[in-house]
Protein backbone atom coordinates (compact mmCIF):
# COMPACT_ATOMS: atom_id res chain seq x y z
CA MET A 1 -28.14 -22.95 -18.85
CA GLU A 2 -24.85 -24.70 -18.26
CA ASN A 3 -24.02 -25.84 -14.76
CA ILE A 4 -20.58 -24.82 -13.57
CA TYR A 5 -19.65 -26.92 -10.51
CA LEU A 6 -16.95 -25.29 -8.40
CA ASP A 7 -17.47 -27.08 -5.05
CA ARG A 8 -15.12 -30.04 -5.55
CA ILE A 9 -13.67 -29.50 -2.05
CA ALA A 10 -17.09 -30.93 -0.92
CA ALA A 11 -17.40 -33.81 -3.37
CA THR A 12 -16.14 -34.99 -6.76
CA SER A 13 -17.68 -37.07 -9.49
CA LEU A 14 -16.79 -40.68 -10.30
CA SER A 15 -14.75 -41.21 -13.47
CA ALA A 16 -15.93 -43.93 -15.87
CA GLU A 17 -13.05 -46.13 -14.82
CA VAL A 18 -13.93 -45.91 -11.10
CA ARG A 19 -17.60 -46.66 -11.84
CA ALA A 20 -16.66 -49.67 -13.91
CA ALA A 21 -14.41 -50.96 -11.09
CA ILE A 22 -17.21 -50.60 -8.50
CA LEU A 23 -20.24 -52.10 -10.29
CA PRO A 24 -19.28 -55.81 -10.24
CA TYR A 25 -19.11 -55.72 -6.42
CA PHE A 26 -22.83 -54.83 -6.34
CA THR A 27 -23.87 -57.68 -8.58
CA GLU A 28 -21.40 -60.47 -9.48
CA PHE A 29 -18.98 -60.32 -6.53
CA TYR A 30 -21.40 -59.67 -3.67
CA GLY A 31 -19.97 -62.19 -1.17
CA ASN A 32 -18.81 -61.28 2.34
CA PRO A 33 -15.01 -60.86 2.39
CA GLN A 34 -14.90 -62.83 5.62
CA SER A 35 -16.57 -65.90 4.10
CA ARG A 36 -14.02 -68.76 3.71
CA HIS A 37 -15.31 -69.86 0.36
CA ARG A 38 -14.98 -68.66 -3.23
CA PHE A 39 -17.76 -66.10 -2.84
CA GLY A 40 -15.65 -64.37 -0.21
CA GLU A 41 -12.29 -64.81 -1.90
CA ILE A 42 -12.67 -62.30 -4.74
CA PRO A 43 -13.97 -59.44 -2.44
CA ARG A 44 -11.20 -60.25 0.03
CA LYS A 45 -8.52 -60.02 -2.67
CA ALA A 46 -10.18 -56.80 -4.01
CA ILE A 47 -9.86 -55.21 -0.60
CA ALA A 48 -6.21 -56.21 -0.33
CA ALA A 49 -5.53 -54.75 -3.80
CA SER A 50 -7.21 -51.44 -2.88
CA ARG A 51 -5.19 -51.35 0.37
CA GLU A 52 -2.05 -51.53 -1.66
CA LYS A 53 -3.21 -48.79 -4.04
CA MET A 54 -3.98 -46.41 -1.12
CA ALA A 55 -0.58 -47.23 0.46
CA GLN A 56 1.09 -46.28 -2.83
CA LEU A 57 -0.71 -42.96 -2.86
CA VAL A 58 0.45 -41.93 0.55
CA GLY A 59 3.83 -43.56 0.87
CA ALA A 60 2.73 -46.18 3.42
CA GLU A 61 2.82 -49.93 3.80
CA PRO A 62 -0.51 -51.75 3.00
CA ARG A 63 -0.85 -53.06 6.52
CA GLU A 64 -0.70 -49.41 7.82
CA MET A 65 -4.01 -48.60 6.08
CA VAL A 66 -7.36 -49.06 7.75
CA PHE A 67 -10.56 -48.47 5.74
CA THR A 68 -13.37 -46.49 7.44
CA ALA A 69 -16.73 -45.08 6.42
CA SER A 70 -15.52 -41.50 6.03
CA GLY A 71 -12.71 -39.05 6.68
CA SER A 72 -14.64 -37.95 9.83
CA GLU A 73 -14.61 -41.47 11.19
CA ALA A 74 -10.88 -41.78 10.39
CA ASN A 75 -10.16 -38.57 12.41
CA ASN A 76 -12.24 -39.81 15.27
CA LEU A 77 -10.56 -43.11 15.24
CA ALA A 78 -7.14 -41.56 15.24
CA ILE A 79 -7.74 -39.10 18.12
CA ARG A 80 -10.08 -40.91 20.49
CA SER A 81 -8.70 -44.36 19.98
CA LEU A 82 -5.07 -43.28 20.34
CA VAL A 83 -5.47 -41.37 23.66
CA SER A 84 -7.54 -44.34 24.96
CA ALA A 85 -4.67 -46.75 24.11
CA TYR A 86 -1.98 -44.56 25.67
CA LYS A 87 -3.67 -43.14 28.74
CA LYS A 88 -0.54 -43.49 30.81
CA ARG A 89 1.52 -41.41 28.36
CA GLY A 90 -0.18 -38.14 29.21
CA ARG A 91 -3.32 -36.06 29.09
CA HIS A 92 -2.26 -33.07 27.00
CA ILE A 93 -3.23 -32.45 23.36
CA ILE A 94 -2.12 -29.77 21.00
CA THR A 95 -4.20 -28.67 17.99
CA THR A 96 -5.10 -25.49 16.04
CA ALA A 97 -8.00 -23.13 15.92
CA ILE A 98 -8.86 -23.97 12.33
CA GLU A 99 -9.32 -27.75 12.41
CA HIS A 100 -12.25 -29.46 10.70
CA TYR A 101 -15.14 -30.26 12.97
CA SER A 102 -14.27 -33.95 12.92
CA VAL A 103 -11.05 -33.11 14.67
CA ALA A 104 -12.16 -30.16 16.85
CA HIS A 105 -15.24 -31.94 18.18
CA PRO A 106 -13.61 -35.18 19.42
CA ILE A 107 -10.83 -33.04 20.99
CA LYS A 108 -13.37 -30.84 22.72
CA TYR A 109 -15.07 -34.08 23.93
CA LEU A 110 -11.72 -35.22 25.42
CA GLU A 111 -11.28 -31.74 26.95
CA ASP A 112 -14.66 -32.22 28.66
CA GLU A 113 -13.36 -35.53 29.90
CA GLY A 114 -10.41 -33.86 31.68
CA TYR A 115 -7.74 -33.70 29.02
CA GLU A 116 -5.84 -30.40 28.73
CA VAL A 117 -5.89 -28.90 25.19
CA THR A 118 -3.66 -26.16 23.80
CA TRP A 119 -5.52 -24.54 20.88
CA LEU A 120 -2.80 -22.92 18.88
CA PRO A 121 -3.67 -19.69 16.92
CA VAL A 122 -2.79 -19.19 13.26
CA ASP A 123 -1.50 -16.11 11.55
CA ALA A 124 -3.50 -13.91 9.05
CA LEU A 125 -2.59 -16.43 6.25
CA GLY A 126 -3.93 -19.38 8.22
CA ARG A 127 -0.53 -20.96 9.09
CA VAL A 128 0.48 -22.37 12.44
CA SER A 129 4.04 -21.74 13.58
CA PRO A 130 6.24 -24.78 14.10
CA ALA A 131 7.95 -22.78 16.91
CA GLN A 132 4.64 -22.43 18.68
CA VAL A 133 4.08 -26.20 18.41
CA SER A 134 7.57 -26.86 19.88
CA ASP A 135 6.95 -24.38 22.68
CA ALA A 136 3.56 -25.94 23.50
CA ILE A 137 4.92 -29.54 23.94
CA ARG A 138 5.13 -30.65 27.50
CA ASP A 139 6.19 -33.83 29.28
CA ASP A 140 2.58 -35.00 29.35
CA THR A 141 1.74 -34.18 25.74
CA ILE A 142 0.36 -37.23 24.11
CA LEU A 143 -0.85 -36.01 20.74
CA VAL A 144 -0.36 -33.14 18.24
CA SER A 145 -3.14 -32.86 15.71
CA ILE A 146 -2.70 -30.38 12.84
CA LEU A 147 -4.48 -30.51 9.48
CA HIS A 148 -2.50 -30.73 6.22
CA ALA A 149 -4.47 -28.08 4.43
CA ASN A 150 -7.60 -26.12 5.26
CA ASN A 151 -10.68 -26.74 3.05
CA GLU A 152 -11.97 -23.13 3.47
CA ILE A 153 -8.89 -21.07 2.74
CA GLY A 154 -6.60 -23.57 1.06
CA THR A 155 -3.55 -22.83 3.25
CA ILE A 156 -1.08 -25.71 3.44
CA GLN A 157 0.59 -26.25 6.89
CA PRO A 158 4.35 -26.87 7.36
CA LEU A 159 3.83 -30.50 8.37
CA GLU A 160 7.35 -31.63 7.65
CA GLU A 161 8.84 -29.12 10.05
CA ILE A 162 6.24 -29.96 12.67
CA GLY A 163 6.74 -33.63 12.16
CA ALA A 164 10.43 -33.28 12.82
CA ILE A 165 9.54 -31.55 16.13
CA THR A 166 7.07 -34.24 17.27
CA LEU A 167 9.43 -37.02 16.25
CA LYS A 168 12.25 -35.58 18.36
CA ALA A 169 9.82 -35.02 21.23
CA GLY A 170 8.42 -38.49 21.07
CA VAL A 171 4.87 -37.22 20.73
CA PHE A 172 2.21 -38.79 18.39
CA PHE A 173 1.44 -36.66 15.36
CA HIS A 174 -1.94 -36.80 13.57
CA THR A 175 -3.06 -34.86 10.53
CA ASP A 176 -6.39 -34.54 8.82
CA ALA A 177 -5.34 -34.80 5.18
CA VAL A 178 -8.85 -35.05 3.69
CA ALA A 179 -8.68 -31.68 1.83
CA SER A 180 -5.30 -32.42 0.29
CA ILE A 181 -5.22 -36.09 -0.54
CA GLY A 182 -5.05 -36.69 -4.28
CA ILE A 183 -4.60 -33.01 -4.92
CA ILE A 184 -1.01 -32.56 -3.85
CA PRO A 185 1.63 -35.21 -3.01
CA PHE A 186 1.41 -36.69 0.40
CA ASP A 187 4.13 -38.96 1.98
CA CYS A 188 3.57 -40.23 5.50
CA ASN A 189 7.21 -40.90 6.13
CA ARG A 190 8.53 -37.59 4.73
CA LEU A 191 6.07 -35.68 6.84
CA ASN A 192 6.73 -37.81 9.92
CA VAL A 193 3.10 -38.32 10.77
CA ASP A 194 1.93 -41.26 12.84
CA LEU A 195 -1.77 -41.01 11.78
CA ALA A 196 -3.39 -39.45 8.71
CA ALA A 197 -7.04 -39.34 7.71
CA PHE A 198 -8.32 -39.52 4.08
CA SER A 199 -11.61 -39.46 2.31
CA ALA A 200 -12.31 -40.99 -1.19
CA GLN A 201 -14.90 -38.40 -2.22
CA GLN A 202 -12.14 -35.74 -2.35
CA PHE A 203 -10.25 -37.47 -5.21
CA TYR A 204 -12.94 -38.83 -7.46
CA GLY A 205 -13.82 -41.90 -5.41
CA PRO A 206 -17.17 -42.80 -3.91
CA LYS A 207 -18.81 -41.25 -0.81
CA GLY A 208 -19.07 -43.32 2.33
CA VAL A 209 -15.49 -44.62 2.40
CA GLY A 210 -12.32 -43.21 3.95
CA ALA A 211 -9.04 -44.49 5.32
CA LEU A 212 -6.75 -43.95 8.21
CA TYR A 213 -2.95 -44.38 7.98
CA ILE A 214 -1.55 -45.79 11.26
CA ARG A 215 2.18 -45.97 11.51
CA ARG A 216 3.39 -49.51 12.22
CA GLY A 217 3.74 -50.04 15.92
CA THR A 218 1.10 -47.49 16.86
CA ARG A 219 -1.63 -48.92 19.00
CA LEU A 220 -5.32 -47.95 18.83
CA LYS A 221 -8.36 -49.11 20.76
CA PRO A 222 -11.19 -49.58 18.18
CA LEU A 223 -14.13 -47.23 18.18
CA ILE A 224 -16.28 -49.97 16.66
CA ALA A 225 -15.82 -53.31 18.36
CA GLY A 226 -17.38 -56.74 17.52
CA GLY A 227 -15.42 -58.18 14.66
CA ILE A 228 -12.04 -59.16 13.27
CA GLN A 229 -12.20 -56.87 10.18
CA GLU A 230 -9.24 -54.49 9.54
CA GLU A 231 -7.06 -56.70 11.77
CA GLY A 232 -9.38 -55.98 14.69
CA ARG A 233 -9.01 -52.17 14.37
CA ARG A 234 -12.49 -51.54 12.97
CA ALA A 235 -15.33 -54.06 13.20
CA GLY A 236 -18.09 -54.36 10.64
CA THR A 237 -18.63 -56.00 7.24
CA GLU A 238 -16.49 -54.08 4.76
CA ASN A 239 -17.99 -51.74 2.22
CA VAL A 240 -16.32 -53.69 -0.61
CA ALA A 241 -17.66 -51.60 -3.49
CA GLY A 242 -16.61 -48.36 -1.75
CA ILE A 243 -13.11 -49.67 -0.96
CA VAL A 244 -12.65 -50.94 -4.47
CA GLY A 245 -13.69 -47.47 -5.76
CA MET A 246 -11.32 -45.76 -3.39
CA GLY A 247 -8.43 -47.95 -4.61
CA ALA A 248 -9.26 -47.30 -8.25
CA ALA A 249 -9.49 -43.58 -7.60
CA ALA A 250 -6.12 -43.68 -5.81
CA SER A 251 -4.43 -45.31 -8.82
CA GLU A 252 -6.08 -42.88 -11.27
CA THR A 253 -5.09 -39.90 -9.09
CA LEU A 254 -1.42 -40.96 -9.15
CA GLU A 255 -1.58 -40.78 -12.99
CA HIS A 256 -3.15 -37.34 -13.17
CA MET A 257 -1.73 -35.44 -10.20
CA ARG A 258 1.51 -34.21 -11.77
CA GLU A 259 -0.23 -32.66 -14.78
CA GLU A 260 -3.20 -31.39 -12.88
CA ILE A 261 -1.31 -29.40 -10.25
CA PRO A 262 0.03 -26.72 -12.73
CA ARG A 263 -3.18 -26.59 -14.70
CA LEU A 264 -5.35 -26.10 -11.66
CA SER A 265 -2.91 -23.62 -10.23
CA THR A 266 -3.13 -21.46 -13.38
CA LEU A 267 -6.90 -21.45 -13.31
CA ARG A 268 -6.95 -20.70 -9.54
CA ASP A 269 -4.53 -17.79 -10.01
CA ARG A 270 -6.66 -16.35 -12.82
CA ILE A 271 -9.73 -16.36 -10.50
CA ILE A 272 -7.71 -14.64 -7.71
CA ASP A 273 -6.04 -11.99 -9.93
CA GLN A 274 -9.19 -11.15 -11.95
CA LEU A 275 -11.71 -11.03 -9.12
CA LEU A 276 -9.45 -8.93 -6.88
CA SER A 277 -9.06 -6.47 -9.70
CA ARG A 278 -12.76 -6.42 -10.71
CA VAL A 279 -14.53 -6.47 -7.32
CA PRO A 280 -13.89 -3.73 -4.70
CA LEU A 281 -13.67 -4.63 -1.05
CA LEU A 282 -12.91 -8.23 -1.85
CA HIS A 283 -10.39 -10.05 0.36
CA LEU A 284 -8.35 -13.11 -0.51
CA THR A 285 -8.35 -15.61 2.37
CA GLY A 286 -5.45 -17.88 3.07
CA ASP A 287 -1.88 -18.01 1.93
CA ARG A 288 -1.53 -16.70 -1.68
CA LEU A 289 1.56 -18.79 -2.45
CA ASN A 290 1.42 -21.82 -0.13
CA ARG A 291 -2.12 -22.95 -0.90
CA LEU A 292 -3.95 -25.85 -2.52
CA PRO A 293 -3.84 -25.59 -6.29
CA HIS A 294 -7.56 -25.97 -6.72
CA VAL A 295 -8.85 -23.55 -4.07
CA ALA A 296 -9.62 -19.84 -4.50
CA SER A 297 -11.30 -18.33 -1.47
CA PHE A 298 -12.48 -14.89 -0.58
CA ALA A 299 -14.33 -12.79 1.92
CA VAL A 300 -16.69 -10.22 0.37
CA GLU A 301 -17.56 -7.08 2.31
CA TYR A 302 -21.23 -6.05 2.53
CA VAL A 303 -22.43 -9.41 1.34
CA ASP A 304 -23.80 -12.46 3.12
CA GLY A 305 -22.00 -15.67 1.88
CA GLU A 306 -25.10 -17.77 1.84
CA ALA A 307 -27.02 -15.14 -0.15
CA LEU A 308 -24.16 -14.96 -2.60
CA ILE A 309 -24.25 -18.76 -3.08
CA LYS A 310 -27.89 -18.66 -3.89
CA THR A 311 -27.41 -15.78 -6.28
CA LEU A 312 -24.63 -17.58 -8.13
CA GLU A 313 -26.71 -20.77 -8.30
CA LYS A 314 -29.46 -18.94 -10.20
CA LYS A 315 -26.74 -18.17 -12.80
CA GLY A 316 -25.70 -21.86 -12.91
CA ILE A 317 -22.57 -21.50 -10.74
CA PHE A 318 -22.14 -23.73 -7.70
CA ALA A 319 -19.71 -22.80 -4.97
CA ALA A 320 -19.48 -22.95 -1.18
CA SER A 321 -19.52 -20.45 1.66
CA GLY A 322 -17.46 -22.60 4.07
CA SER A 323 -17.11 -26.13 5.28
CA SER A 324 -19.75 -28.59 4.02
CA CYS A 325 -19.91 -30.01 7.59
CA SER A 326 -20.85 -26.66 9.19
CA THR A 327 -24.33 -26.24 10.60
CA ASP A 328 -27.00 -24.20 8.87
CA ALA A 329 -27.16 -21.92 11.92
CA LEU A 330 -23.44 -21.01 11.72
CA LYS A 331 -23.24 -17.71 9.90
CA VAL A 332 -19.63 -16.83 10.44
CA SER A 333 -16.81 -19.28 9.80
CA PRO A 334 -14.61 -19.98 12.82
CA VAL A 335 -11.72 -20.33 10.29
CA LEU A 336 -12.20 -16.79 8.96
CA THR A 337 -12.41 -15.29 12.40
CA ALA A 338 -9.32 -17.24 13.47
CA ILE A 339 -7.29 -15.54 10.74
CA GLY A 340 -8.40 -12.17 12.09
CA LEU A 341 -11.31 -11.15 9.99
CA PRO A 342 -14.05 -9.25 11.77
CA GLY A 343 -17.50 -10.89 11.77
CA ASN A 344 -19.05 -8.43 9.28
CA ILE A 345 -16.42 -9.38 6.66
CA ALA A 346 -16.15 -13.16 7.65
CA GLN A 347 -19.81 -13.59 6.97
CA GLY A 348 -19.12 -12.98 3.32
CA GLY A 349 -16.86 -16.00 2.83
CA ILE A 350 -16.96 -17.90 -0.46
CA VAL A 351 -14.87 -20.79 -1.76
CA PHE A 352 -14.36 -21.92 -5.38
CA SER A 353 -12.75 -25.35 -5.71
CA LEU A 354 -11.84 -26.73 -9.04
CA GLY A 355 -11.22 -30.20 -10.60
CA ARG A 356 -10.33 -32.25 -13.62
CA GLU A 357 -13.50 -31.23 -15.47
CA THR A 358 -13.05 -27.50 -14.82
CA THR A 359 -12.32 -25.66 -18.08
CA GLU A 360 -10.97 -22.20 -18.96
CA ALA A 361 -14.31 -21.28 -20.47
CA GLU A 362 -16.06 -22.03 -17.17
CA ILE A 363 -13.64 -19.82 -15.40
CA GLU A 364 -14.22 -16.93 -17.77
CA THR A 365 -17.94 -17.29 -17.20
CA LEU A 366 -17.41 -17.06 -13.48
CA LEU A 367 -15.30 -13.92 -13.94
CA SER A 368 -17.97 -12.23 -15.94
CA ILE A 369 -20.90 -13.20 -13.66
CA PHE A 370 -19.40 -12.87 -10.18
CA PRO A 371 -18.92 -9.13 -10.03
CA GLU A 372 -22.52 -8.39 -11.12
CA CYS A 373 -23.86 -10.91 -8.54
CA VAL A 374 -21.89 -9.17 -5.80
CA GLU A 375 -23.08 -5.72 -6.92
CA THR A 376 -26.68 -6.85 -6.97
CA LEU A 377 -26.49 -7.94 -3.33
CA ARG A 378 -24.63 -4.81 -2.24
CA LEU A 379 -26.87 -2.25 -3.88
CA PRO A 380 -29.56 -2.09 -1.19
CA SER A 381 -26.91 -1.42 1.53
CA PRO A 382 -26.52 2.30 2.50
CA LEU A 383 -23.36 1.28 4.37
CA TYR A 384 -21.81 0.04 1.14
CA LYS A 385 -22.76 3.18 -0.72
CA ASP A 386 -21.18 5.30 1.94
CA ARG A 387 -18.01 3.18 1.91
CA ILE A 388 -17.66 3.45 -1.90
CA GLU A 389 -18.02 7.22 -1.64
CA GLU A 390 -15.42 7.35 1.05
CA ILE A 391 -13.00 5.28 -1.10
CA GLY A 392 -13.65 7.63 -4.08
CA LYS A 393 -12.76 10.68 -1.96
CA GLU A 394 -9.60 9.01 -0.70
CA LEU A 395 -8.50 8.25 -4.21
CA GLN A 396 -9.06 11.86 -5.32
CA GLN A 397 -6.85 13.20 -2.58
């Protein structure tokens, strides 16, 4: 049975080129970058080259990029370190109800420490209103943190408009760009962001390495102290192989992005159009037009998302029911409830995320298998049978 992997929002594979770039730094070039002899020189130069490649990908200067161990660490570094460095600027933070846990949890931590937080709602499409951001800014607002795109519903936020507002107000602006980096263009200056978090595993780089863009002139107090690495902004011996892999993936992504966006969008739209026509009581989640090109997400009535994932897996199809960082005990996605779905529908969330290896044939297989998997799970439910009968009577009238 062929495996059809449609969970690339959680992780992507390494290309042959990225693997080849990484391997020498496990074997031949194993020196510590901080060593002031030739065994440290090559790793040190490799890190500098990767910093330049990441900067090119996001429209930044190399010195504005700090490498981390993950996108989650980058988000924590941005939020907690910034407010620590600018305590006298204010104690009010603005964010949204659909942020990733690596943003929501450090902000909740700060809230427990006495910071005031405005949790902005989103509309039924998962979009936050720039006007609401503007209205929420106060004299003591220190930070606005709004994700670029949501990994569960694919909705892209109006960052450029929001960035113009925060720039005018003189408030720091952070975005979690983990779900979007390498998928759609991202330019730190055009979006007017001061801090932006990225993860290599989202764009065919290795796991265990991320990066944080820090606009020149923005001060941070390091989360990890004890070394001079990353210009004193993050201590600890650098993950040279991971950083090299992230740089190689960044360069490769720049080559493929323009051609991949329309291809993935076409495959995504076929999934959306066909499944909505073939499966009753299926709801598209997120903005139909303003969404990531590789994400098709739904909520299925009368089905548990986890049960659907397991049923699809038996057929060789691998998808997700929500964020890969959610806990096993969390049955209903906070993102789906934030866009207004009741719990009995939100528990049926499912996300298909595509990538370079995704083919038209794989999508056709999904389209043929998904409806029967849903029907299999729904059949034992008397509530579903009653609902279908009700719909049938309504159509006859």
